Amino acid sequence: MKLLFPLLTLGLSAVVFLARAADTPVKPLRVLIVAGGCCHEYDKQPMALKEGIESRIHAIVDIAYNPDKSTKATFEIYKAKDWDKDFDVIIHDECSADVTDPAYVGAILGAHKAGKPALNLHCAMHSYRSGNFREAVKPGADNAGWYEYLGLQSTGHGPQQPITITYTDKTHPITQGLEGWQTINEELYNNVQVLTGKALASGNQIVPPKAKKGEKLPPDAKPTEATAVVAWTNEYGPNKTKIFSTTIGHNTATVSDARYLDLITRGLLWTTGHLDENGKAKDGYGK
């Protein structure tokens, strides 16, 4: 009987501790969107992403925006030591095709190689490219680093036309229960090669015939059809960092579309380990 009181006390203490732990609010996910560069409405799109994400899950979204509209836009945050330390996940929404400095790009990749999850949207796929990037890069080559991180190599796109999106992997937590849809006019990015990426969705686009400069369109000219992977996952580096990417998102109306934001938010939760096998936010992270 001498041991009964200490054991009872220990048991009550454990119950009190667990009750207090259950009452402790879950910290919101800290998300950083890096946005700016060529060819897109980066003064509007990051806010659409921020509002869409914060309305769906328990998260705080910060934005690092550079108004530079050239292909050489750089971001001060990447120049800081441990630039990613305050965030749980990074969303790359920049368009910096002509930024090639190995040290600068290496600092970005270094954070993800060390384990920082990330999402890559649209023109992020065409950023930080160098050398003969229009040809399939070889693993380990000097110009392969960004593509190895993405898990897929893309170099260009066709005209803006609607894209029919089909979820080709319906069993993945990111795509569970999501329905295919058709975008407004959007750019379908090509696939030069799929490296280590795992496809989630494909895009199909009907391209109207177009006459060559100075020539008339033949009367029997017919549309062509293009298909490419438009959403995928990757595991990057020795820590198998979770990466989600989609090439969709040229126009602000698309970025603001609820179906697009649902996909992005699912991808974000998956990269950070807060998405269950049924595509639902884990306890404390849903709304």
C-alpha atoms as a PDB file:
ATOM      1  CA  MET A   1       0.000   0.000   0.000  1.00  0.00           C
ATOM      2  CA  LYS A   2       2.963   2.328   0.452  1.00  0.00           C
ATOM      3  CA  LEU A   3       3.358   2.583  -3.323  1.00  0.00           C
ATOM      4  CA  LEU A   4      -0.281   3.421  -4.004  1.00  0.00           C
ATOM      5  CA  PHE A   5      -0.086   7.130  -3.216  1.00  0.00           C
ATOM      6  CA  PRO A   6       3.019   7.830  -5.348  1.00  0.00           C
ATOM      7  CA  LEU A   7       1.535   5.903  -8.280  1.00  0.00           C
ATOM      8  CA  LEU A   8      -1.794   7.668  -7.932  1.00  0.00           C
ATOM      9  CA  THR A   9      -0.049  11.031  -7.817  1.00  0.00           C
ATOM     10  CA  LEU A  10       1.986  10.128 -10.889  1.00  0.00           C
ATOM     11  CA  GLY A  11      -1.163   9.084 -12.733  1.00  0.00           C
ATOM     12  CA  LEU A  12      -2.993  12.294 -11.887  1.00  0.00           C
ATOM     13  CA  SER A  13       0.010  14.348 -12.946  1.00  0.00           C
ATOM     14  CA  ALA A  14       0.059  12.590 -16.301  1.00  0.00           C
ATOM     15  CA  VAL A  15      -3.656  13.290 -16.819  1.00  0.00           C
ATOM     16  CA  VAL A  16      -3.183  16.963 -15.967  1.00  0.00           C
ATOM     17  CA  PHE A  17      -0.193  17.191 -18.318  1.00  0.00           C
ATOM     18  CA  LEU A  18      -2.092  15.595 -21.189  1.00  0.00           C
ATOM     19  CA  ALA A  19      -5.098  17.839 -20.591  1.00  0.00           C
ATOM     20  CA  ARG A  20      -2.910  20.919 -20.676  1.00  0.00           C
ATOM     21  CA  ALA A  21      -1.164  19.653 -23.812  1.00  0.00           C
ATOM     22  CA  ALA A  22      -4.540  19.163 -25.487  1.00  0.00           C
ATOM     23  CA  ASP A  23      -5.484  22.736 -24.612  1.00  0.00           C
ATOM     24  CA  THR A  24      -2.249  24.147 -26.020  1.00  0.00           C
ATOM     25  CA  PRO A  25      -3.022  25.798 -29.354  1.00  0.00           C
ATOM     26  CA  VAL A  26      -1.218  24.441 -32.401  1.00  0.00           C
ATOM     27  CA  LYS A  27       1.251  26.917 -33.815  1.00  0.00           C
ATOM     28  CA  PRO A  28       0.341  28.087 -37.323  1.00  0.00           C
ATOM     29  CA  LEU A  29       2.489  27.014 -40.213  1.00  0.00           C
ATOM     30  CA  ARG A  30       4.860  29.777 -41.238  1.00  0.00           C
ATOM     31  CA  VAL A  31       4.855  30.148 -45.008  1.00  0.00           C
ATOM     32  CA  LEU A  32       7.074  32.373 -47.152  1.00  0.00           C
ATOM     33  CA  ILE A  33       6.101  33.315 -50.705  1.00  0.00           C
ATOM     34  CA  VAL A  34       8.970  34.666 -52.811  1.00  0.00           C
ATOM     35  CA  ALA A  35       7.507  36.524 -55.788  1.00  0.00           C
ATOM     36  CA  GLY A  36       8.671  38.834 -58.537  1.00  0.00           C
ATOM     37  CA  GLY A  37      10.361  38.969 -61.900  1.00  0.00           C
ATOM     38  CA  CYS A  38       9.278  38.776 -65.487  1.00  0.00           C
ATOM     39  CA  CYS A  39       5.985  38.439 -67.225  1.00  0.00           C
ATOM     40  CA  HIS A  40       3.359  38.013 -64.493  1.00  0.00           C
ATOM     41  CA  GLU A  41       1.186  40.050 -62.120  1.00  0.00           C
ATOM     42  CA  TYR A  42       3.360  39.486 -59.086  1.00  0.00           C
ATOM     43  CA  ASP A  43       1.911  42.598 -57.485  1.00  0.00           C
ATOM     44  CA  LYS A  44      -1.427  40.724 -57.235  1.00  0.00           C
ATOM     45  CA  GLN A  45      -0.855  36.982 -57.302  1.00  0.00           C
ATOM     46  CA  PRO A  46       0.981  36.573 -53.969  1.00  0.00           C
ATOM     47  CA  MET A  47      -1.914  38.233 -52.145  1.00  0.00           C
ATOM     48  CA  ALA A  48      -4.370  35.855 -53.828  1.00  0.00           C
ATOM     49  CA  LEU A  49      -2.218  32.952 -52.632  1.00  0.00           C
ATOM     50  CA  LYS A  50      -1.891  34.368 -49.126  1.00  0.00           C
ATOM     51  CA  GLU A  51      -5.629  34.918 -48.731  1.00  0.00           C
ATOM     52  CA  GLY A  52      -6.469  31.537 -50.248  1.00  0.00           C
ATOM     53  CA  ILE A  53      -4.057  29.617 -48.015  1.00  0.00           C
ATOM     54  CA  GLU A  54      -4.863  31.446 -44.794  1.00  0.00           C
ATOM     55  CA  SER A  55      -8.597  30.977 -45.348  1.00  0.00           C
ATOM     56  CA  ARG A  56      -8.136  27.219 -45.754  1.00  0.00           C
ATOM     57  CA  ILE A  57      -5.592  26.202 -43.126  1.00  0.00           C
ATOM     58  CA  HIS A  58      -3.965  27.338 -39.896  1.00  0.00           C
ATOM     59  CA  ALA A  59      -1.087  29.279 -41.419  1.00  0.00           C
ATOM     60  CA  ILE A  60       0.567  32.686 -41.515  1.00  0.00           C
ATOM     61  CA  VAL A  61       1.867  33.669 -44.947  1.00  0.00           C
ATOM     62  CA  ASP A  62       4.625  36.241 -45.449  1.00  0.00           C
ATOM     63  CA  ILE A  63       5.602  37.641 -48.833  1.00  0.00           C
ATOM     64  CA  ALA A  64       9.060  38.620 -50.097  1.00  0.00           C
ATOM     65  CA  TYR A  65       8.238  40.680 -53.192  1.00  0.00           C
ATOM     66  CA  ASN A  66      10.561  42.327 -55.685  1.00  0.00           C
ATOM     67  CA  PRO A  67       8.841  44.728 -58.143  1.00  0.00           C
ATOM     68  CA  ASP A  68      11.650  44.179 -60.666  1.00  0.00           C
ATOM     69  CA  LYS A  69       9.851  42.902 -63.792  1.00  0.00           C
ATOM     70  CA  SER A  70      12.930  41.674 -65.591  1.00  0.00           C
ATOM     71  CA  THR A  71      14.288  38.138 -65.950  1.00  0.00           C
ATOM     72  CA  LYS A  72      17.151  39.164 -63.652  1.00  0.00           C
ATOM     73  CA  ALA A  73      15.103  39.811 -60.515  1.00  0.00           C
ATOM     74  CA  THR A  74      16.867  38.737 -57.317  1.00  0.00           C
ATOM     75  CA  PHE A  75      15.684  38.659 -53.721  1.00  0.00           C
ATOM     76  CA  GLU A  76      17.490  40.038 -50.692  1.00  0.00           C
ATOM     77  CA  ILE A  77      16.187  37.310 -48.402  1.00  0.00           C
ATOM     78  CA  TYR A  78      18.237  34.683 -50.227  1.00  0.00           C
ATOM     79  CA  LYS A  79      21.406  36.599 -49.440  1.00  0.00           C
ATOM     80  CA  ALA A  80      20.955  36.252 -45.673  1.00  0.00           C
ATOM     81  CA  LYS A  81      22.567  33.453 -43.711  1.00  0.00           C
ATOM     82  CA  ASP A  82      20.006  30.790 -42.800  1.00  0.00           C
ATOM     83  CA  TRP A  83      17.485  32.736 -44.879  1.00  0.00           C
ATOM     84  CA  ASP A  84      14.800  30.086 -44.422  1.00  0.00           C
ATOM     85  CA  LYS A  85      15.058  29.576 -40.647  1.00  0.00           C
ATOM     86  CA  ASP A  86      11.840  31.413 -39.674  1.00  0.00           C
ATOM     87  CA  PHE A  87       9.619  29.432 -42.028  1.00  0.00           C
ATOM     88  CA  ASP A  88       8.198  25.932 -42.260  1.00  0.00           C
ATOM     89  CA  VAL A  89       7.842  25.957 -46.043  1.00  0.00           C
ATOM     90  CA  ILE A  90       8.837  28.158 -48.991  1.00  0.00           C
ATOM     91  CA  ILE A  91       6.682  28.922 -52.032  1.00  0.00           C
ATOM     92  CA  HIS A  92       8.824  29.837 -55.035  1.00  0.00           C
ATOM     93  CA  ASP A  93       6.729  32.085 -57.279  1.00  0.00           C
ATOM     94  CA  GLU A  94       9.535  33.975 -58.969  1.00  0.00           C
ATOM     95  CA  CYS A  95      10.415  34.318 -62.656  1.00  0.00           C
ATOM     96  CA  SER A  96      14.181  34.819 -62.803  1.00  0.00           C
ATOM     97  CA  ALA A  97      15.288  33.040 -65.950  1.00  0.00           C
ATOM     98  CA  ASP A  98      18.566  34.933 -66.315  1.00  0.00           C
ATOM     99  CA  VAL A  99      19.782  34.667 -62.730  1.00  0.00           C
ATOM    100  CA  THR A 100      22.618  32.158 -62.942  1.00  0.00           C
ATOM    101  CA  ASP A 101      25.137  33.040 -60.208  1.00  0.00           C
ATOM    102  CA  PRO A 102      26.116  29.634 -58.755  1.00  0.00           C
ATOM    103  CA  ALA A 103      26.548  30.976 -55.210  1.00  0.00           C
ATOM    104  CA  TYR A 104      23.149  32.684 -55.232  1.00  0.00           C
ATOM    105  CA  VAL A 105      21.307  29.670 -56.650  1.00  0.00           C
ATOM    106  CA  GLY A 106      23.323  27.373 -54.392  1.00  0.00           C
ATOM    107  CA  ALA A 107      22.096  29.226 -51.306  1.00  0.00           C
ATOM    108  CA  ILE A 108      18.500  28.580 -52.358  1.00  0.00           C
ATOM    109  CA  LEU A 109      19.074  24.923 -53.129  1.00  0.00           C
ATOM    110  CA  GLY A 110      21.150  24.461 -49.994  1.00  0.00           C
ATOM    111  CA  ALA A 111      18.187  25.232 -47.748  1.00  0.00           C
ATOM    112  CA  HIS A 112      16.020  22.677 -49.531  1.00  0.00           C
ATOM    113  CA  LYS A 113      18.760  20.086 -49.675  1.00  0.00           C
ATOM    114  CA  ALA A 114      19.068  20.465 -45.907  1.00  0.00           C
ATOM    115  CA  GLY A 115      15.368  19.694 -45.481  1.00  0.00           C
ATOM    116  CA  LYS A 116      13.254  22.810 -46.006  1.00  0.00           C
ATOM    117  CA  PRO A 117      10.055  21.830 -47.889  1.00  0.00           C
ATOM    118  CA  ALA A 118       8.967  23.886 -50.881  1.00  0.00           C
ATOM    119  CA  LEU A 119       6.353  24.542 -53.524  1.00  0.00           C
ATOM    120  CA  ASN A 120       7.203  25.785 -57.007  1.00  0.00           C
ATOM    121  CA  LEU A 121       4.635  27.634 -59.075  1.00  0.00           C
ATOM    122  CA  HIS A 122       4.566  28.273 -62.823  1.00  0.00           C
ATOM    123  CA  CYS A 123       7.605  30.340 -63.840  1.00  0.00           C
ATOM    124  CA  ALA A 124       9.703  29.011 -60.974  1.00  0.00           C
ATOM    125  CA  MET A 125      10.200  26.090 -63.362  1.00  0.00           C
ATOM    126  CA  HIS A 126      11.892  28.426 -65.860  1.00  0.00           C
ATOM    127  CA  SER A 127      14.113  30.200 -63.341  1.00  0.00           C
ATOM    128  CA  TYR A 128      17.800  29.768 -62.497  1.00  0.00           C
ATOM    129  CA  ARG A 129      18.671  28.014 -65.752  1.00  0.00           C
ATOM    130  CA  SER A 130      22.046  28.097 -67.433  1.00  0.00           C
ATOM    131  CA  GLY A 131      24.096  26.468 -70.149  1.00  0.00           C
ATOM    132  CA  ASN A 132      22.286  24.581 -72.896  1.00  0.00           C
ATOM    133  CA  PHE A 133      19.127  24.261 -70.840  1.00  0.00           C
ATOM    134  CA  ARG A 134      16.923  23.563 -73.873  1.00  0.00           C
ATOM    135  CA  GLU A 135      18.477  20.132 -74.172  1.00  0.00           C
ATOM    136  CA  ALA A 136      17.929  17.394 -71.600  1.00  0.00           C
ATOM    137  CA  VAL A 137      20.388  18.006 -68.771  1.00  0.00           C
ATOM    138  CA  LYS A 138      22.500  15.186 -67.411  1.00  0.00           C
ATOM    139  CA  PRO A 139      22.258  14.394 -63.685  1.00  0.00           C
ATOM    140  CA  GLY A 140      25.119  16.050 -61.838  1.00  0.00           C
ATOM    141  CA  ALA A 141      25.879  18.522 -64.633  1.00  0.00           C
ATOM    142  CA  ASP A 142      26.598  22.150 -63.747  1.00  0.00           C
ATOM    143  CA  ASN A 143      23.232  23.251 -65.160  1.00  0.00           C
ATOM    144  CA  ALA A 144      21.194  20.373 -63.698  1.00  0.00           C
ATOM    145  CA  GLY A 145      20.864  21.560 -60.084  1.00  0.00           C
ATOM    146  CA  TRP A 146      17.553  23.420 -60.316  1.00  0.00           C
ATOM    147  CA  TYR A 147      15.940  20.721 -62.436  1.00  0.00           C
ATOM    148  CA  GLU A 148      17.090  17.992 -60.057  1.00  0.00           C
ATOM    149  CA  TYR A 149      15.485  19.917 -57.215  1.00  0.00           C
ATOM    150  CA  LEU A 150      12.229  20.267 -59.179  1.00  0.00           C
ATOM    151  CA  GLY A 151      12.287  16.664 -60.394  1.00  0.00           C
ATOM    152  CA  LEU A 152      11.269  17.714 -63.920  1.00  0.00           C
ATOM    153  CA  GLN A 153      12.817  19.826 -66.678  1.00  0.00           C
ATOM    154  CA  SER A 154      10.739  22.344 -68.636  1.00  0.00           C
ATOM    155  CA  THR A 155      12.030  24.995 -70.999  1.00  0.00           C
ATOM    156  CA  GLY A 156       9.082  26.663 -72.739  1.00  0.00           C
ATOM    157  CA  HIS A 157       5.372  26.849 -73.416  1.00  0.00           C
ATOM    158  CA  GLY A 158       2.833  27.250 -76.176  1.00  0.00           C
ATOM    159  CA  PRO A 159       0.143  29.928 -76.621  1.00  0.00           C
ATOM    160  CA  GLN A 160      -2.426  30.846 -74.026  1.00  0.00           C
ATOM    161  CA  GLN A 161      -5.372  28.516 -74.493  1.00  0.00           C
ATOM    162  CA  PRO A 162      -7.581  26.623 -72.020  1.00  0.00           C
ATOM    163  CA  ILE A 163      -5.961  23.575 -70.417  1.00  0.00           C
ATOM    164  CA  THR A 164      -7.943  20.505 -69.422  1.00  0.00           C
ATOM    165  CA  ILE A 165      -6.456  19.196 -66.181  1.00  0.00           C
ATOM    166  CA  THR A 166      -6.767  15.505 -65.339  1.00  0.00           C
ATOM    167  CA  TYR A 167      -5.569  14.048 -62.044  1.00  0.00           C
ATOM    168  CA  THR A 168      -3.632  11.001 -63.186  1.00  0.00           C
ATOM    169  CA  ASP A 169      -2.776   9.809 -59.662  1.00  0.00           C
ATOM    170  CA  LYS A 170      -6.049   9.857 -57.740  1.00  0.00           C
ATOM    171  CA  THR A 171      -4.655   7.887 -54.794  1.00  0.00           C
ATOM    172  CA  HIS A 172      -2.128  10.459 -53.616  1.00  0.00           C
ATOM    173  CA  PRO A 173      -3.190  12.477 -50.534  1.00  0.00           C
ATOM    174  CA  ILE A 174      -2.800  15.723 -52.497  1.00  0.00           C
ATOM    175  CA  THR A 175      -5.292  14.634 -55.157  1.00  0.00           C
ATOM    176  CA  GLN A 176      -7.747  12.579 -53.071  1.00  0.00           C
ATOM    177  CA  GLY A 177     -11.257  13.635 -54.071  1.00  0.00           C
ATOM    178  CA  LEU A 178     -10.186  16.485 -56.346  1.00  0.00           C
ATOM    179  CA  GLU A 179     -12.002  16.727 -59.666  1.00  0.00           C
ATOM    180  CA  GLY A 180     -10.386  17.548 -62.988  1.00  0.00           C
ATOM    181  CA  TRP A 181     -11.180  20.965 -64.459  1.00  0.00           C
ATOM    182  CA  GLN A 182     -10.544  23.263 -67.365  1.00  0.00           C
ATOM    183  CA  THR A 183      -8.641  26.503 -66.929  1.00  0.00           C
ATOM    184  CA  ILE A 184      -9.171  29.811 -68.641  1.00  0.00           C
ATOM    185  CA  ASN A 185      -6.474  30.716 -71.177  1.00  0.00           C
ATOM    186  CA  GLU A 186      -3.233  29.450 -69.654  1.00  0.00           C
ATOM    187  CA  GLU A 187       0.271  28.434 -70.706  1.00  0.00           C
ATOM    188  CA  LEU A 188       1.018  24.732 -70.974  1.00  0.00           C
ATOM    189  CA  TYR A 189       4.663  24.228 -70.045  1.00  0.00           C
ATOM    190  CA  ASN A 190       6.522  21.510 -71.939  1.00  0.00           C
ATOM    191  CA  ASN A 191       8.253  18.496 -70.396  1.00  0.00           C
ATOM    192  CA  VAL A 192      11.780  18.070 -71.706  1.00  0.00           C
ATOM    193  CA  GLN A 193      12.242  15.209 -69.268  1.00  0.00           C
ATOM    194  CA  VAL A 194      10.792  13.910 -66.034  1.00  0.00           C
ATOM    195  CA  LEU A 195      13.679  13.214 -63.676  1.00  0.00           C
ATOM    196  CA  THR A 196      12.716  12.011 -60.179  1.00  0.00           C
ATOM    197  CA  GLY A 197       9.320  13.728 -60.081  1.00  0.00           C
ATOM    198  CA  LYS A 198       6.119  11.716 -59.538  1.00  0.00           C
ATOM    199  CA  ALA A 199       3.284  12.943 -61.745  1.00  0.00           C
ATOM    200  CA  LEU A 200      -0.031  13.877 -60.143  1.00  0.00           C
ATOM    201  CA  ALA A 201      -1.817  15.645 -63.006  1.00  0.00           C
ATOM    202  CA  SER A 202      -1.574  16.139 -66.746  1.00  0.00           C
ATOM    203  CA  GLY A 203      -2.726  19.031 -68.882  1.00  0.00           C
ATOM    204  CA  ASN A 204      -4.171  18.775 -72.376  1.00  0.00           C
ATOM    205  CA  GLN A 205      -4.358  21.801 -74.650  1.00  0.00           C
ATOM    206  CA  ILE A 206      -5.830  22.249 -78.129  1.00  0.00           C
ATOM    207  CA  VAL A 207      -3.648  24.692 -80.049  1.00  0.00           C
ATOM    208  CA  PRO A 208      -5.240  26.529 -82.994  1.00  0.00           C
ATOM    209  CA  PRO A 209      -3.244  26.558 -86.242  1.00  0.00           C
ATOM    210  CA  LYS A 210      -1.055  29.586 -86.790  1.00  0.00           C
ATOM    211  CA  ALA A 211       0.438  30.855 -90.013  1.00  0.00           C
ATOM    212  CA  LYS A 212       4.154  31.468 -90.271  1.00  0.00           C
ATOM    213  CA  LYS A 213       5.224  35.074 -90.454  1.00  0.00           C
ATOM    214  CA  GLY A 214       4.488  36.486 -93.895  1.00  0.00           C
ATOM    215  CA  GLU A 215       2.446  33.472 -94.960  1.00  0.00           C
ATOM    216  CA  LYS A 216      -1.265  32.731 -95.128  1.00  0.00           C
ATOM    217  CA  LEU A 217      -2.817  29.946 -93.150  1.00  0.00           C
ATOM    218  CA  PRO A 218      -3.610  26.945 -95.413  1.00  0.00           C
ATOM    219  CA  PRO A 219      -7.361  26.313 -95.696  1.00  0.00           C
ATOM    220  CA  ASP A 220      -6.940  22.742 -94.446  1.00  0.00           C
ATOM    221  CA  ALA A 221      -4.871  23.701 -91.397  1.00  0.00           C
ATOM    222  CA  LYS A 222      -5.981  21.877 -88.265  1.00  0.00           C
ATOM    223  CA  PRO A 223      -5.436  22.426 -84.552  1.00  0.00           C
ATOM    224  CA  THR A 224      -2.751  20.435 -82.774  1.00  0.00           C
ATOM    225  CA  GLU A 225      -2.903  18.812 -79.378  1.00  0.00           C
ATOM    226  CA  ALA A 226      -0.312  19.094 -76.618  1.00  0.00           C
ATOM    227  CA  THR A 227      -0.108  17.153 -73.356  1.00  0.00           C
ATOM    228  CA  ALA A 228       2.286  17.544 -70.447  1.00  0.00           C
ATOM    229  CA  VAL A 229       2.638  16.814 -66.737  1.00  0.00           C
ATOM    230  CA  VAL A 230       1.383  19.918 -64.907  1.00  0.00           C
ATOM    231  CA  ALA A 231       1.596  18.887 -61.233  1.00  0.00           C
ATOM    232  CA  TRP A 232       4.020  16.542 -59.476  1.00  0.00           C
ATOM    233  CA  THR A 233       5.921  15.757 -56.296  1.00  0.00           C
ATOM    234  CA  ASN A 234       9.604  15.175 -55.723  1.00  0.00           C
ATOM    235  CA  GLU A 235      11.908  14.086 -52.923  1.00  0.00           C
ATOM    236  CA  TYR A 236      15.095  16.107 -53.056  1.00  0.00           C
ATOM    237  CA  GLY A 237      18.543  15.584 -51.639  1.00  0.00           C
ATOM    238  CA  PRO A 238      19.871  13.286 -48.912  1.00  0.00           C
ATOM    239  CA  ASN A 239      17.021  14.196 -46.571  1.00  0.00           C
ATOM    240  CA  LYS A 240      14.381  13.430 -49.205  1.00  0.00           C
ATOM    241  CA  THR A 241      12.900  16.887 -48.778  1.00  0.00           C
ATOM    242  CA  LYS A 242       9.294  16.997 -49.956  1.00  0.00           C
ATOM    243  CA  ILE A 243       8.751  19.262 -52.965  1.00  0.00           C
ATOM    244  CA  PHE A 244       5.482  20.009 -54.780  1.00  0.00           C
ATOM    245  CA  SER A 245       5.318  21.802 -58.133  1.00  0.00           C
ATOM    246  CA  THR A 246       2.736  22.915 -60.667  1.00  0.00           C
ATOM    247  CA  THR A 247       3.265  24.717 -63.948  1.00  0.00           C
ATOM    248  CA  ILE A 248      -0.277  26.111 -63.897  1.00  0.00           C
ATOM    249  CA  GLY A 249      -0.727  29.707 -62.732  1.00  0.00           C
ATOM    250  CA  HIS A 250       0.173  32.274 -65.368  1.00  0.00           C
ATOM    251  CA  ASN A 251      -2.916  34.454 -64.949  1.00  0.00           C
ATOM    252  CA  THR A 252      -4.184  36.010 -61.737  1.00  0.00           C
ATOM    253  CA  ALA A 253      -7.708  34.693 -62.373  1.00  0.00           C
ATOM    254  CA  THR A 254      -6.288  31.161 -62.335  1.00  0.00           C
ATOM    255  CA  VAL A 255      -4.272  31.762 -59.177  1.00  0.00           C
ATOM    256  CA  SER A 256      -7.461  33.072 -57.531  1.00  0.00           C
ATOM    257  CA  ASP A 257      -9.527  30.055 -58.645  1.00  0.00           C
ATOM    258  CA  ALA A 258     -10.749  27.958 -55.696  1.00  0.00           C
ATOM    259  CA  ARG A 259      -9.745  24.741 -57.496  1.00  0.00           C
ATOM    260  CA  TYR A 260      -6.202  26.001 -57.937  1.00  0.00           C
ATOM    261  CA  LEU A 261      -5.966  27.161 -54.334  1.00  0.00           C
ATOM    262  CA  ASP A 262      -7.284  23.809 -53.090  1.00  0.00           C
ATOM    263  CA  LEU A 263      -4.488  22.061 -54.994  1.00  0.00           C
ATOM    264  CA  ILE A 264      -1.800  24.458 -53.758  1.00  0.00           C
ATOM    265  CA  THR A 265      -2.951  24.173 -50.153  1.00  0.00           C
ATOM    266  CA  ARG A 266      -2.990  20.377 -50.325  1.00  0.00           C
ATOM    267  CA  GLY A 267       0.535  20.472 -51.746  1.00  0.00           C
ATOM    268  CA  LEU A 268       1.668  22.759 -48.942  1.00  0.00           C
ATOM    269  CA  LEU A 269       0.243  20.501 -46.239  1.00  0.00           C
ATOM    270  CA  TRP A 270       1.817  17.443 -47.850  1.00  0.00           C
ATOM    271  CA  THR A 271       5.289  18.970 -48.023  1.00  0.00           C
ATOM    272  CA  THR A 272       5.170  19.852 -44.320  1.00  0.00           C
ATOM    273  CA  GLY A 273       3.721  16.531 -43.182  1.00  0.00           C
ATOM    274  CA  HIS A 274       0.330  17.922 -42.171  1.00  0.00           C
ATOM    275  CA  LEU A 275      -1.874  16.170 -44.731  1.00  0.00           C
ATOM    276  CA  ASP A 276      -3.484  12.843 -43.861  1.00  0.00           C
ATOM    277  CA  GLU A 277      -3.865   9.950 -46.310  1.00  0.00           C
ATOM    278  CA  ASN A 278      -7.385  11.105 -47.222  1.00  0.00           C
ATOM    279  CA  GLY A 279      -6.306  14.587 -48.265  1.00  0.00           C
ATOM    280  CA  LYS A 280      -7.477  16.296 -45.079  1.00  0.00           C
ATOM    281  CA  ALA A 281      -5.503  18.684 -42.914  1.00  0.00           C
ATOM    282  CA  LYS A 282      -4.267  16.990 -39.740  1.00  0.00           C
ATOM    283  CA  ASP A 283      -5.701  18.058 -36.371  1.00  0.00           C
ATOM    284  CA  GLY A 284      -5.079  21.697 -35.612  1.00  0.00           C
ATOM    285  CA  TYR A 285      -4.248  22.726 -39.177  1.00  0.00           C
ATOM    286  CA  GLY A 286      -7.624  22.739 -40.908  1.00  0.00           C
ATOM    287  CA  LYS A 287     -10.339  25.387 -40.886  1.00  0.00           C
END
